[in-house]
Amino acid sequence: IQKILAKKEGPYMAKQLKDLIIQTLRKNVALNQFGEQL
């Protein structure tokens, strides 16, 4: 997020953050699924 804010590419910032959160959510879901297995 700090990298996105530092670049300040106005037209693309929302999409960049959205893609980043999607990527993070996928990892988040994988960790949650492992927790369920545990």
PDB file of all heavy atoms in Angstrom:
ATOM      1  N   ILE A   1       0.840  -1.213   0.000  1.00  0.00           N
ATOM      2  CA  ILE A   1       0.000   0.000   0.000  1.00  0.00           C
ATOM      3  C   ILE A   1       0.870   1.256   0.000  1.00  0.00           C
ATOM      4  O   ILE A   1       0.571   2.241  -0.696  1.00  0.00           O
ATOM      5  CB  ILE A   1      -0.952  -0.022   1.215  1.00  0.00           C
ATOM      6  CG1 ILE A   1      -2.014  -1.103   1.040  1.00  0.00           C
ATOM      7  CG2 ILE A   1      -1.618   1.341   1.407  1.00  0.00           C
ATOM      8  CD1 ILE A   1      -2.885  -1.323   2.251  1.00  0.00           C
ATOM      9  N   GLN A   2       1.930   1.227   0.771  1.00  0.00           N
ATOM     10  CA  GLN A   2       2.838   2.386   0.803  1.00  0.00           C
ATOM     11  C   GLN A   2       3.437   2.650  -0.579  1.00  0.00           C
ATOM     12  O   GLN A   2       3.626   3.813  -0.973  1.00  0.00           O
ATOM     13  CB  GLN A   2       3.944   2.149   1.836  1.00  0.00           C
ATOM     14  CG  GLN A   2       3.451   2.114   3.273  1.00  0.00           C
ATOM     15  CD  GLN A   2       2.740   3.396   3.680  1.00  0.00           C
ATOM     16  OE1 GLN A   2       3.130   4.508   3.298  1.00  0.00           O
ATOM     17  NE2 GLN A   2       1.662   3.249   4.447  1.00  0.00           N
ATOM     18  N   LYS A   3       3.721   1.605  -1.327  1.00  0.00           N
ATOM     19  CA  LYS A   3       4.256   1.779  -2.682  1.00  0.00           C
ATOM     20  C   LYS A   3       3.216   2.417  -3.600  1.00  0.00           C
ATOM     21  O   LYS A   3       3.535   3.288  -4.432  1.00  0.00           O
ATOM     22  CB  LYS A   3       4.705   0.432  -3.242  1.00  0.00           C
ATOM     23  CG  LYS A   3       5.933  -0.146  -2.566  1.00  0.00           C
ATOM     24  CD  LYS A   3       6.331  -1.475  -3.189  1.00  0.00           C
ATOM     25  CE  LYS A   3       7.567  -2.066  -2.511  1.00  0.00           C
ATOM     26  NZ  LYS A   3       7.944  -3.386  -3.092  1.00  0.00           N
ATOM     27  N   ILE A   4       1.957   1.983  -3.461  1.00  0.00           N
ATOM     28  CA  ILE A   4       0.885   2.557  -4.286  1.00  0.00           C
ATOM     29  C   ILE A   4       0.706   4.039  -3.974  1.00  0.00           C
ATOM     30  O   ILE A   4       0.564   4.880  -4.874  1.00  0.00           O
ATOM     31  CB  ILE A   4      -0.437   1.780  -4.049  1.00  0.00           C
ATOM     32  CG1 ILE A   4      -0.316   0.355  -4.599  1.00  0.00           C
ATOM     33  CG2 ILE A   4      -1.609   2.509  -4.701  1.00  0.00           C
ATOM     34  CD1 ILE A   4      -1.520  -0.525  -4.300  1.00  0.00           C
ATOM     35  N   LEU A   5       0.721   4.375  -2.678  1.00  0.00           N
ATOM     36  CA  LEU A   5       0.555   5.776  -2.293  1.00  0.00           C
ATOM     37  C   LEU A   5       1.738   6.631  -2.724  1.00  0.00           C
ATOM     38  O   LEU A   5       1.579   7.809  -3.063  1.00  0.00           O
ATOM     39  CB  LEU A   5       0.366   5.868  -0.767  1.00  0.00           C
ATOM     40  CG  LEU A   5      -0.916   5.231  -0.203  1.00  0.00           C
ATOM     41  CD1 LEU A   5      -0.925   5.308   1.316  1.00  0.00           C
ATOM     42  CD2 LEU A   5      -2.150   5.933  -0.767  1.00  0.00           C
ATOM     43  N   ALA A   6       2.932   6.029  -2.713  1.00  0.00           N
ATOM     44  CA  ALA A   6       4.125   6.792  -3.103  1.00  0.00           C
ATOM     45  C   ALA A   6       4.125   7.111  -4.596  1.00  0.00           C
ATOM     46  O   ALA A   6       4.549   8.201  -5.016  1.00  0.00           O
ATOM     47  CB  ALA A   6       5.375   6.013  -2.728  1.00  0.00           C
ATOM     48  N   LYS A   7       3.620   6.182  -5.416  1.00  0.00           N
ATOM     49  CA  LYS A   7       3.599   6.409  -6.860  1.00  0.00           C
ATOM     50  C   LYS A   7       2.548   7.447  -7.261  1.00  0.00           C
ATOM     51  O   LYS A   7       2.742   8.201  -8.231  1.00  0.00           O
ATOM     52  CB  LYS A   7       3.330   5.096  -7.593  1.00  0.00           C
ATOM     53  CG  LYS A   7       4.482   4.111  -7.519  1.00  0.00           C
ATOM     54  CD  LYS A   7       4.142   2.833  -8.286  1.00  0.00           C
ATOM     55  CE  LYS A   7       5.283   1.825  -8.224  1.00  0.00           C
ATOM     56  NZ  LYS A   7       4.941   0.570  -8.945  1.00  0.00           N
ATOM     57  N   LYS A   8       1.409   7.466  -6.578  1.00  0.00           N
ATOM     58  CA  LYS A   8       0.322   8.423  -6.839  1.00  0.00           C
ATOM     59  C   LYS A   8      -0.099   8.440  -8.308  1.00  0.00           C
ATOM     60  O   LYS A   8      -0.172   9.494  -8.953  1.00  0.00           O
ATOM     61  CB  LYS A   8       0.731   9.838  -6.409  1.00  0.00           C
ATOM     62  CG  LYS A   8       0.848   9.994  -4.898  1.00  0.00           C
ATOM     63  CD  LYS A   8       1.142  11.436  -4.517  1.00  0.00           C
ATOM     64  CE  LYS A   8       1.222  11.579  -3.003  1.00  0.00           C
ATOM     65  NZ  LYS A   8       1.510  12.969  -2.588  1.00  0.00           N
ATOM     66  N   GLU A   9      -0.342   7.255  -8.848  1.00  0.00           N
ATOM     67  CA  GLU A   9      -0.847   7.154 -10.221  1.00  0.00           C
ATOM     68  C   GLU A   9      -2.372   7.267 -10.168  1.00  0.00           C
ATOM     69  O   GLU A   9      -3.101   6.264 -10.189  1.00  0.00           O
ATOM     70  CB  GLU A   9      -0.401   5.839 -10.848  1.00  0.00           C
ATOM     71  CG  GLU A   9       1.121   5.726 -10.957  1.00  0.00           C
ATOM     72  CD  GLU A   9       1.549   4.371 -11.509  1.00  0.00           C
ATOM     73  OE1 GLU A   9       0.672   3.497 -11.645  1.00  0.00           O
ATOM     74  OE2 GLU A   9       2.744   4.222 -11.814  1.00  0.00           O
ATOM     75  N   GLY A  10      -2.867   8.494 -10.054  1.00  0.00           N
ATOM     76  CA  GLY A  10      -4.263   8.804  -9.782  1.00  0.00           C
ATOM     77  C   GLY A  10      -5.292   7.931 -10.488  1.00  0.00           C
ATOM     78  O   GLY A  10      -6.134   7.302  -9.843  1.00  0.00           O
ATOM     79  N   PRO A  11      -5.294   7.855 -11.814  1.00  0.00           N
ATOM     80  CA  PRO A  11      -6.340   7.098 -12.509  1.00  0.00           C
ATOM     81  C   PRO A  11      -6.335   5.609 -12.185  1.00  0.00           C
ATOM     82  O   PRO A  11      -7.345   4.938 -12.390  1.00  0.00           O
ATOM     83  CB  PRO A  11      -6.008   7.346 -13.994  1.00  0.00           C
ATOM     84  CG  PRO A  11      -5.163   8.572 -14.007  1.00  0.00           C
ATOM     85  CD  PRO A  11      -4.388   8.537 -12.740  1.00  0.00           C
ATOM     86  N   TYR A  12      -5.205   5.077 -11.726  1.00  0.00           N
ATOM     87  CA  TYR A  12      -5.081   3.634 -11.550  1.00  0.00           C
ATOM     88  C   TYR A  12      -4.995   3.208 -10.072  1.00  0.00           C
ATOM     89  O   TYR A  12      -4.931   2.012  -9.785  1.00  0.00           O
ATOM     90  CB  TYR A  12      -3.817   3.124 -12.258  1.00  0.00           C
ATOM     91  CG  TYR A  12      -3.717   3.566 -13.693  1.00  0.00           C
ATOM     92  CD1 TYR A  12      -2.828   4.572 -14.070  1.00  0.00           C
ATOM     93  CD2 TYR A  12      -4.520   2.992 -14.673  1.00  0.00           C
ATOM     94  CE1 TYR A  12      -2.733   4.990 -15.391  1.00  0.00           C
ATOM     95  CE2 TYR A  12      -4.432   3.403 -16.002  1.00  0.00           C
ATOM     96  CZ  TYR A  12      -3.539   4.398 -16.352  1.00  0.00           C
ATOM     97  OH  TYR A  12      -3.457   4.809 -17.650  1.00  0.00           O
ATOM     98  N   MET A  13      -5.009   4.161  -9.165  1.00  0.00           N
ATOM     99  CA  MET A  13      -4.764   3.820  -7.760  1.00  0.00           C
ATOM    100  C   MET A  13      -5.849   2.905  -7.178  1.00  0.00           C
ATOM    101  O   MET A  13      -5.559   1.952  -6.457  1.00  0.00           O
ATOM    102  CB  MET A  13      -4.639   5.089  -6.911  1.00  0.00           C
ATOM    103  CG  MET A  13      -3.337   5.856  -7.177  1.00  0.00           C
ATOM    104  SD  MET A  13      -3.182   7.333  -6.165  1.00  0.00           S
ATOM    105  CE  MET A  13      -2.898   6.629  -4.555  1.00  0.00           C
ATOM    106  N   ALA A  14      -7.105   3.173  -7.507  1.00  0.00           N
ATOM    107  CA  ALA A  14      -8.202   2.349  -6.980  1.00  0.00           C
ATOM    108  C   ALA A  14      -8.096   0.919  -7.490  1.00  0.00           C
ATOM    109  O   ALA A  14      -8.294  -0.044  -6.733  1.00  0.00           O
ATOM    110  CB  ALA A  14      -9.548   2.956  -7.359  1.00  0.00           C
ATOM    111  N   LYS A  15      -7.787   0.782  -8.788  1.00  0.00           N
ATOM    112  CA  LYS A  15      -7.644  -0.566  -9.360  1.00  0.00           C
ATOM    113  C   LYS A  15      -6.430  -1.285  -8.768  1.00  0.00           C
ATOM    114  O   LYS A  15      -6.478  -2.490  -8.486  1.00  0.00           O
ATOM    115  CB  LYS A  15      -7.506  -0.482 -10.877  1.00  0.00           C
ATOM    116  CG  LYS A  15      -7.495  -1.845 -11.566  1.00  0.00           C
ATOM    117  CD  LYS A  15      -7.410  -1.704 -13.064  1.00  0.00           C
ATOM    118  CE  LYS A  15      -7.536  -3.059 -13.749  1.00  0.00           C
ATOM    119  NZ  LYS A  15      -6.567  -4.066 -13.234  1.00  0.00           N
ATOM    120  N   GLN A  16      -5.335  -0.549  -8.585  1.00  0.00           N
ATOM    121  CA  GLN A  16      -4.143  -1.163  -7.999  1.00  0.00           C
ATOM    122  C   GLN A  16      -4.421  -1.663  -6.579  1.00  0.00           C
ATOM    123  O   GLN A  16      -4.024  -2.773  -6.215  1.00  0.00           O
ATOM    124  CB  GLN A  16      -2.999  -0.146  -7.977  1.00  0.00           C
ATOM    125  CG  GLN A  16      -2.423   0.165  -9.342  1.00  0.00           C
ATOM    126  CD  GLN A  16      -1.424   1.316  -9.296  1.00  0.00           C
ATOM    127  OE1 GLN A  16      -1.336   2.039  -8.307  1.00  0.00           O
ATOM    128  NE2 GLN A  16      -0.676   1.499 -10.382  1.00  0.00           N
ATOM    129  N   LEU A  17      -5.111  -0.853  -5.784  1.00  0.00           N
ATOM    130  CA  LEU A  17      -5.442  -1.267  -4.423  1.00  0.00           C
ATOM    131  C   LEU A  17      -6.424  -2.430  -4.428  1.00  0.00           C
ATOM    132  O   LEU A  17      -6.308  -3.360  -3.622  1.00  0.00           O
ATOM    133  CB  LEU A  17      -6.006  -0.084  -3.635  1.00  0.00           C
ATOM    134  CG  LEU A  17      -6.345  -0.362  -2.156  1.00  0.00           C
ATOM    135  CD1 LEU A  17      -5.119  -0.876  -1.406  1.00  0.00           C
ATOM    136  CD2 LEU A  17      -6.891   0.873  -1.479  1.00  0.00           C
ATOM    137  N   LYS A  18      -7.388  -2.381  -5.348  1.00  0.00           N
ATOM    138  CA  LYS A  18      -8.357  -3.475  -5.453  1.00  0.00           C
ATOM    139  C   LYS A  18      -7.659  -4.793  -5.797  1.00  0.00           C
ATOM    140  O   LYS A  18      -7.915  -5.832  -5.171  1.00  0.00           O
ATOM    141  CB  LYS A  18      -9.401  -3.149  -6.518  1.00  0.00           C
ATOM    142  CG  LYS A  18     -10.521  -4.181  -6.626  1.00  0.00           C
ATOM    143  CD  LYS A  18     -11.303  -4.035  -7.919  1.00  0.00           C
ATOM    144  CE  LYS A  18     -10.469  -4.507  -9.113  1.00  0.00           C
ATOM    145  NZ  LYS A  18     -11.222  -4.527 -10.379  1.00  0.00           N
ATOM    146  N   ASP A  19      -6.765  -4.755  -6.785  1.00  0.00           N
ATOM    147  CA  ASP A  19      -6.033  -5.974  -7.167  1.00  0.00           C
ATOM    148  C   ASP A  19      -5.171  -6.483  -6.008  1.00  0.00           C
ATOM    149  O   ASP A  19      -5.058  -7.696  -5.786  1.00  0.00           O
ATOM    150  CB  ASP A  19      -5.154  -5.697  -8.385  1.00  0.00           C
ATOM    151  CG  ASP A  19      -5.978  -5.421  -9.640  1.00  0.00           C
ATOM    152  OD1 ASP A  19      -7.178  -5.776  -9.655  1.00  0.00           O
ATOM    153  OD2 ASP A  19      -5.427  -4.837 -10.595  1.00  0.00           O
ATOM    154  N   LEU A  20      -4.579  -5.549  -5.278  1.00  0.00           N
ATOM    155  CA  LEU A  20      -3.756  -5.934  -4.131  1.00  0.00           C
ATOM    156  C   LEU A  20      -4.600  -6.610  -3.055  1.00  0.00           C
ATOM    157  O   LEU A  20      -4.193  -7.634  -2.486  1.00  0.00           O
ATOM    158  CB  LEU A  20      -3.056  -4.699  -3.562  1.00  0.00           C
ATOM    159  CG  LEU A  20      -2.254  -4.907  -2.260  1.00  0.00           C
ATOM    160  CD1 LEU A  20      -1.124  -5.903  -2.480  1.00  0.00           C
ATOM    161  CD2 LEU A  20      -1.723  -3.572  -1.757  1.00  0.00           C
ATOM    162  N   ILE A  21      -5.776  -6.059  -2.773  1.00  0.00           N
ATOM    163  CA  ILE A  21      -6.640  -6.653  -1.751  1.00  0.00           C
ATOM    164  C   ILE A  21      -7.152  -8.022  -2.194  1.00  0.00           C
ATOM    165  O   ILE A  21      -7.248  -8.953  -1.388  1.00  0.00           O
ATOM    166  CB  ILE A  21      -7.816  -5.700  -1.434  1.00  0.00           C
ATOM    167  CG1 ILE A  21      -7.290  -4.446  -0.732  1.00  0.00           C
ATOM    168  CG2 ILE A  21      -8.850  -6.385  -0.545  1.00  0.00           C
ATOM    169  CD1 ILE A  21      -8.350  -3.408  -0.442  1.00  0.00           C
ATOM    170  N   ILE A  22      -7.457  -8.176  -3.480  1.00  0.00           N
ATOM    171  CA  ILE A  22      -7.882  -9.485  -3.999  1.00  0.00           C
ATOM    172  C   ILE A  22      -6.774 -10.517  -3.806  1.00  0.00           C
ATOM    173  O   ILE A  22      -7.018 -11.648  -3.356  1.00  0.00           O
ATOM    174  CB  ILE A  22      -8.284  -9.370  -5.490  1.00  0.00           C
ATOM    175  CG1 ILE A  22      -9.582  -8.582  -5.631  1.00  0.00           C
ATOM    176  CG2 ILE A  22      -8.441 -10.760  -6.109  1.00  0.00           C
ATOM    177  CD1 ILE A  22      -9.970  -8.301  -7.065  1.00  0.00           C
ATOM    178  N   GLN A  23      -5.554 -10.128  -4.140  1.00  0.00           N
ATOM    179  CA  GLN A  23      -4.406 -11.024  -3.962  1.00  0.00           C
ATOM    180  C   GLN A  23      -4.228 -11.387  -2.481  1.00  0.00           C
ATOM    181  O   GLN A  23      -3.968 -12.545  -2.140  1.00  0.00           O
ATOM    182  CB  GLN A  23      -3.147 -10.349  -4.507  1.00  0.00           C
ATOM    183  CG  GLN A  23      -1.899 -11.219  -4.418  1.00  0.00           C
ATOM    184  CD  GLN A  23      -0.664 -10.471  -4.914  1.00  0.00           C
ATOM    185  OE1 GLN A  23      -0.727  -9.298  -5.258  1.00  0.00           O
ATOM    186  NE2 GLN A  23       0.465 -11.158  -4.929  1.00  0.00           N
ATOM    187  N   THR A  24      -4.382 -10.394  -1.615  1.00  0.00           N
ATOM    188  CA  THR A  24      -4.241 -10.639  -0.184  1.00  0.00           C
ATOM    189  C   THR A  24      -5.362 -11.529   0.330  1.00  0.00           C
ATOM    190  O   THR A  24      -5.134 -12.416   1.166  1.00  0.00           O
ATOM    191  CB  THR A  24      -4.247  -9.302   0.587  1.00  0.00           C
ATOM    192  OG1 THR A  24      -3.200  -8.469   0.086  1.00  0.00           O
ATOM    193  CG2 THR A  24      -4.037  -9.529   2.070  1.00  0.00           C
ATOM    194  N   LEU A  25      -6.586 -11.295  -0.169  1.00  0.00           N
ATOM    195  CA  LEU A  25      -7.722 -12.112   0.263  1.00  0.00           C
ATOM    196  C   LEU A  25      -7.538 -13.581  -0.105  1.00  0.00           C
ATOM    197  O   LEU A  25      -7.940 -14.469   0.646  1.00  0.00           O
ATOM    198  CB  LEU A  25      -9.013 -11.578  -0.361  1.00  0.00           C
ATOM    199  CG  LEU A  25      -9.767 -10.507   0.430  1.00  0.00           C
ATOM    200  CD1 LEU A  25     -10.958 -10.003  -0.364  1.00  0.00           C
ATOM    201  CD2 LEU A  25     -10.217 -11.062   1.776  1.00  0.00           C
ATOM    202  N   ARG A  26      -6.953 -13.843  -1.255  1.00  0.00           N
ATOM    203  CA  ARG A  26      -6.716 -15.235  -1.653  1.00  0.00           C
ATOM    204  C   ARG A  26      -5.774 -15.926  -0.666  1.00  0.00           C
ATOM    205  O   ARG A  26      -6.001 -17.074  -0.265  1.00  0.00           O
ATOM    206  CB  ARG A  26      -6.150 -15.284  -3.069  1.00  0.00           C
ATOM    207  CG  ARG A  26      -7.186 -14.971  -4.151  1.00  0.00           C
ATOM    208  CD  ARG A  26      -6.561 -14.847  -5.518  1.00  0.00           C
ATOM    209  NE  ARG A  26      -7.562 -14.584  -6.554  1.00  0.00           N
ATOM    210  CZ  ARG A  26      -7.303 -14.139  -7.773  1.00  0.00           C
ATOM    211  NH1 ARG A  26      -6.040 -13.917  -8.115  1.00  0.00           N
ATOM    212  NH2 ARG A  26      -8.277 -13.931  -8.630  1.00  0.00           N
ATOM    213  N   LYS A  27      -4.716 -15.214  -0.283  1.00  0.00           N
ATOM    214  CA  LYS A  27      -3.808 -15.775   0.717  1.00  0.00           C
ATOM    215  C   LYS A  27      -4.509 -15.901   2.066  1.00  0.00           C
ATOM    216  O   LYS A  27      -4.306 -16.883   2.797  1.00  0.00           O
ATOM    217  CB  LYS A  27      -2.572 -14.876   0.854  1.00  0.00           C
ATOM    218  CG  LYS A  27      -1.719 -14.799  -0.392  1.00  0.00           C
ATOM    219  CD  LYS A  27      -0.544 -13.845  -0.188  1.00  0.00           C
ATOM    220  CE  LYS A  27       0.309 -13.726  -1.442  1.00  0.00           C
ATOM    221  NZ  LYS A  27       1.431 -12.759  -1.261  1.00  0.00           N
ATOM    222  N   ASN A  28      -5.335 -14.921   2.377  1.00  0.00           N
ATOM    223  CA  ASN A  28      -6.100 -14.928   3.627  1.00  0.00           C
ATOM    224  C   ASN A  28      -7.014 -16.149   3.685  1.00  0.00           C
ATOM    225  O   ASN A  28      -7.097 -16.846   4.709  1.00  0.00           O
ATOM    226  CB  ASN A  28      -6.909 -13.634   3.709  1.00  0.00           C
ATOM    227  CG  ASN A  28      -7.511 -13.385   5.074  1.00  0.00           C
ATOM    228  OD1 ASN A  28      -8.024 -12.305   5.344  1.00  0.00           O
ATOM    229  ND2 ASN A  28      -7.495 -14.359   5.966  1.00  0.00           N
ATOM    230  N   VAL A  29      -7.712 -16.410   2.596  1.00  0.00           N
ATOM    231  CA  VAL A  29      -8.621 -17.563   2.534  1.00  0.00           C
ATOM    232  C   VAL A  29      -7.844 -18.873   2.685  1.00  0.00           C
ATOM    233  O   VAL A  29      -8.296 -19.809   3.368  1.00  0.00           O
ATOM    234  CB  VAL A  29      -9.429 -17.540   1.220  1.00  0.00           C
ATOM    235  CG1 VAL A  29     -10.178 -18.855   1.027  1.00  0.00           C
ATOM    236  CG2 VAL A  29     -10.407 -16.374   1.215  1.00  0.00           C
ATOM    237  N   ALA A  30      -6.677 -18.944   2.052  1.00  0.00           N
ATOM    238  CA  ALA A  30      -5.849 -20.157   2.168  1.00  0.00           C
ATOM    239  C   ALA A  30      -5.432 -20.393   3.627  1.00  0.00           C
ATOM    240  O   ALA A  30      -5.456 -21.535   4.107  1.00  0.00           O
ATOM    241  CB  ALA A  30      -4.620 -20.036   1.274  1.00  0.00           C
ATOM    242  N   LEU A  31      -5.070 -19.324   4.336  1.00  0.00           N
ATOM    243  CA  LEU A  31      -4.706 -19.452   5.750  1.00  0.00           C
ATOM    244  C   LEU A  31      -5.925 -19.849   6.585  1.00  0.00           C
ATOM    245  O   LEU A  31      -5.806 -20.676   7.502  1.00  0.00           O
ATOM    246  CB  LEU A  31      -4.117 -18.140   6.263  1.00  0.00           C
ATOM    247  CG  LEU A  31      -2.765 -17.726   5.679  1.00  0.00           C
ATOM    248  CD1 LEU A  31      -2.346 -16.364   6.224  1.00  0.00           C
ATOM    249  CD2 LEU A  31      -1.687 -18.758   5.984  1.00  0.00           C
ATOM    250  N   ASN A  32      -7.079 -19.264   6.276  1.00  0.00           N
ATOM    251  CA  ASN A  32      -8.304 -19.624   6.990  1.00  0.00           C
ATOM    252  C   ASN A  32      -8.658 -21.099   6.776  1.00  0.00           C
ATOM    253  O   ASN A  32      -9.091 -21.782   7.710  1.00  0.00           O
ATOM    254  CB  ASN A  32      -9.476 -18.749   6.535  1.00  0.00           C
ATOM    255  CG  ASN A  32      -9.309 -17.299   6.955  1.00  0.00           C
ATOM    256  OD1 ASN A  32      -8.458 -16.970   7.787  1.00  0.00           O
ATOM    257  ND2 ASN A  32     -10.119 -16.417   6.392  1.00  0.00           N
ATOM    258  N   GLN A  33      -8.482 -21.576   5.556  1.00  0.00           N
ATOM    259  CA  GLN A  33      -8.771 -22.981   5.268  1.00  0.00           C
ATOM    260  C   GLN A  33      -7.820 -23.907   6.018  1.00  0.00           C
ATOM    261  O   GLN A  33      -8.235 -24.962   6.509  1.00  0.00           O
ATOM    262  CB  GLN A  33      -8.680 -23.228   3.760  1.00  0.00           C
ATOM    263  CG  GLN A  33      -9.810 -22.600   2.964  1.00  0.00           C
ATOM    264  CD  GLN A  33      -9.627 -22.760   1.469  1.00  0.00           C
ATOM    265  OE1 GLN A  33      -8.535 -23.112   0.984  1.00  0.00           O
ATOM    266  NE2 GLN A  33     -10.674 -22.487   0.711  1.00  0.00           N
ATOM    267  N   PHE A  34      -6.547 -23.500   6.109  1.00  0.00           N
ATOM    268  CA  PHE A  34      -5.615 -24.301   6.894  1.00  0.00           C
ATOM    269  C   PHE A  34      -6.032 -24.309   8.369  1.00  0.00           C
ATOM    270  O   PHE A  34      -5.923 -25.333   9.042  1.00  0.00           O
ATOM    271  CB  PHE A  34      -4.188 -23.770   6.760  1.00  0.00           C
ATOM    272  CG  PHE A  34      -3.193 -24.537   7.577  1.00  0.00           C
ATOM    273  CD1 PHE A  34      -2.674 -25.741   7.114  1.00  0.00           C
ATOM    274  CD2 PHE A  34      -2.788 -24.084   8.821  1.00  0.00           C
ATOM    275  CE1 PHE A  34      -1.773 -26.470   7.873  1.00  0.00           C
ATOM    276  CE2 PHE A  34      -1.886 -24.797   9.592  1.00  0.00           C
ATOM    277  CZ  PHE A  34      -1.379 -25.997   9.110  1.00  0.00           C
ATOM    278  N   GLY A  35      -6.494 -23.163   8.868  1.00  0.00           N
ATOM    279  CA  GLY A  35      -6.981 -23.111  10.242  1.00  0.00           C
ATOM    280  C   GLY A  35      -8.135 -24.070  10.468  1.00  0.00           C
ATOM    281  O   GLY A  35      -8.212 -24.727  11.509  1.00  0.00           O
ATOM    282  N   GLU A  36      -9.034 -24.181   9.488  1.00  0.00           N
ATOM    283  CA  GLU A  36     -10.146 -25.123   9.594  1.00  0.00           C
ATOM    284  C   GLU A  36      -9.637 -26.562   9.607  1.00  0.00           C
ATOM    285  O   GLU A  36     -10.152 -27.414  10.337  1.00  0.00           O
ATOM    286  CB  GLU A  36     -11.114 -24.910   8.432  1.00  0.00           C
ATOM    287  CG  GLU A  36     -11.854 -23.581   8.499  1.00  0.00           C
ATOM    288  CD  GLU A  36     -12.668 -23.309   7.245  1.00  0.00           C
ATOM    289  OE1 GLU A  36     -12.649 -24.170   6.336  1.00  0.00           O
ATOM    290  OE2 GLU A  36     -13.318 -22.251   7.172  1.00  0.00           O
ATOM    291  N   GLN A  37      -8.607 -26.842   8.808  1.00  0.00           N
ATOM    292  CA  GLN A  37      -7.996 -28.175   8.826  1.00  0.00           C
ATOM    293  C   GLN A  37      -7.341 -28.465  10.176  1.00  0.00           C
ATOM    294  O   GLN A  37      -7.434 -29.584  10.695  1.00  0.00           O
ATOM    295  CB  GLN A  37      -6.953 -28.290   7.714  1.00  0.00           C
ATOM    296  CG  GLN A  37      -7.531 -28.527   6.336  1.00  0.00           C
ATOM    297  CD  GLN A  37      -6.426 -28.852   5.331  1.00  0.00           C
ATOM    298  OE1 GLN A  37      -5.404 -28.155   5.249  1.00  0.00           O
ATOM    299  NE2 GLN A  37      -6.623 -29.891   4.556  1.00  0.00           N
ATOM    300  N   LEU A  38      -6.677 -27.465  10.725  1.00  0.00           N
ATOM    301  CA  LEU A  38      -6.057 -27.609  12.041  1.00  0.00           C
ATOM    302  C   LEU A  38      -7.106 -27.932  13.100  1.00  0.00           C
ATOM    303  O   LEU A  38      -6.916 -28.814  13.946  1.00  0.00           O
ATOM    304  CB  LEU A  38      -5.322 -26.316  12.395  1.00  0.00           C
ATOM    305  CG  LEU A  38      -4.750 -26.179  13.809  1.00  0.00           C
ATOM    306  CD1 LEU A  38      -3.702 -27.251  14.077  1.00  0.00           C
ATOM    307  CD2 LEU A  38      -4.150 -24.788  14.015  1.00  0.00           C
TER     308      LEU A  38
END
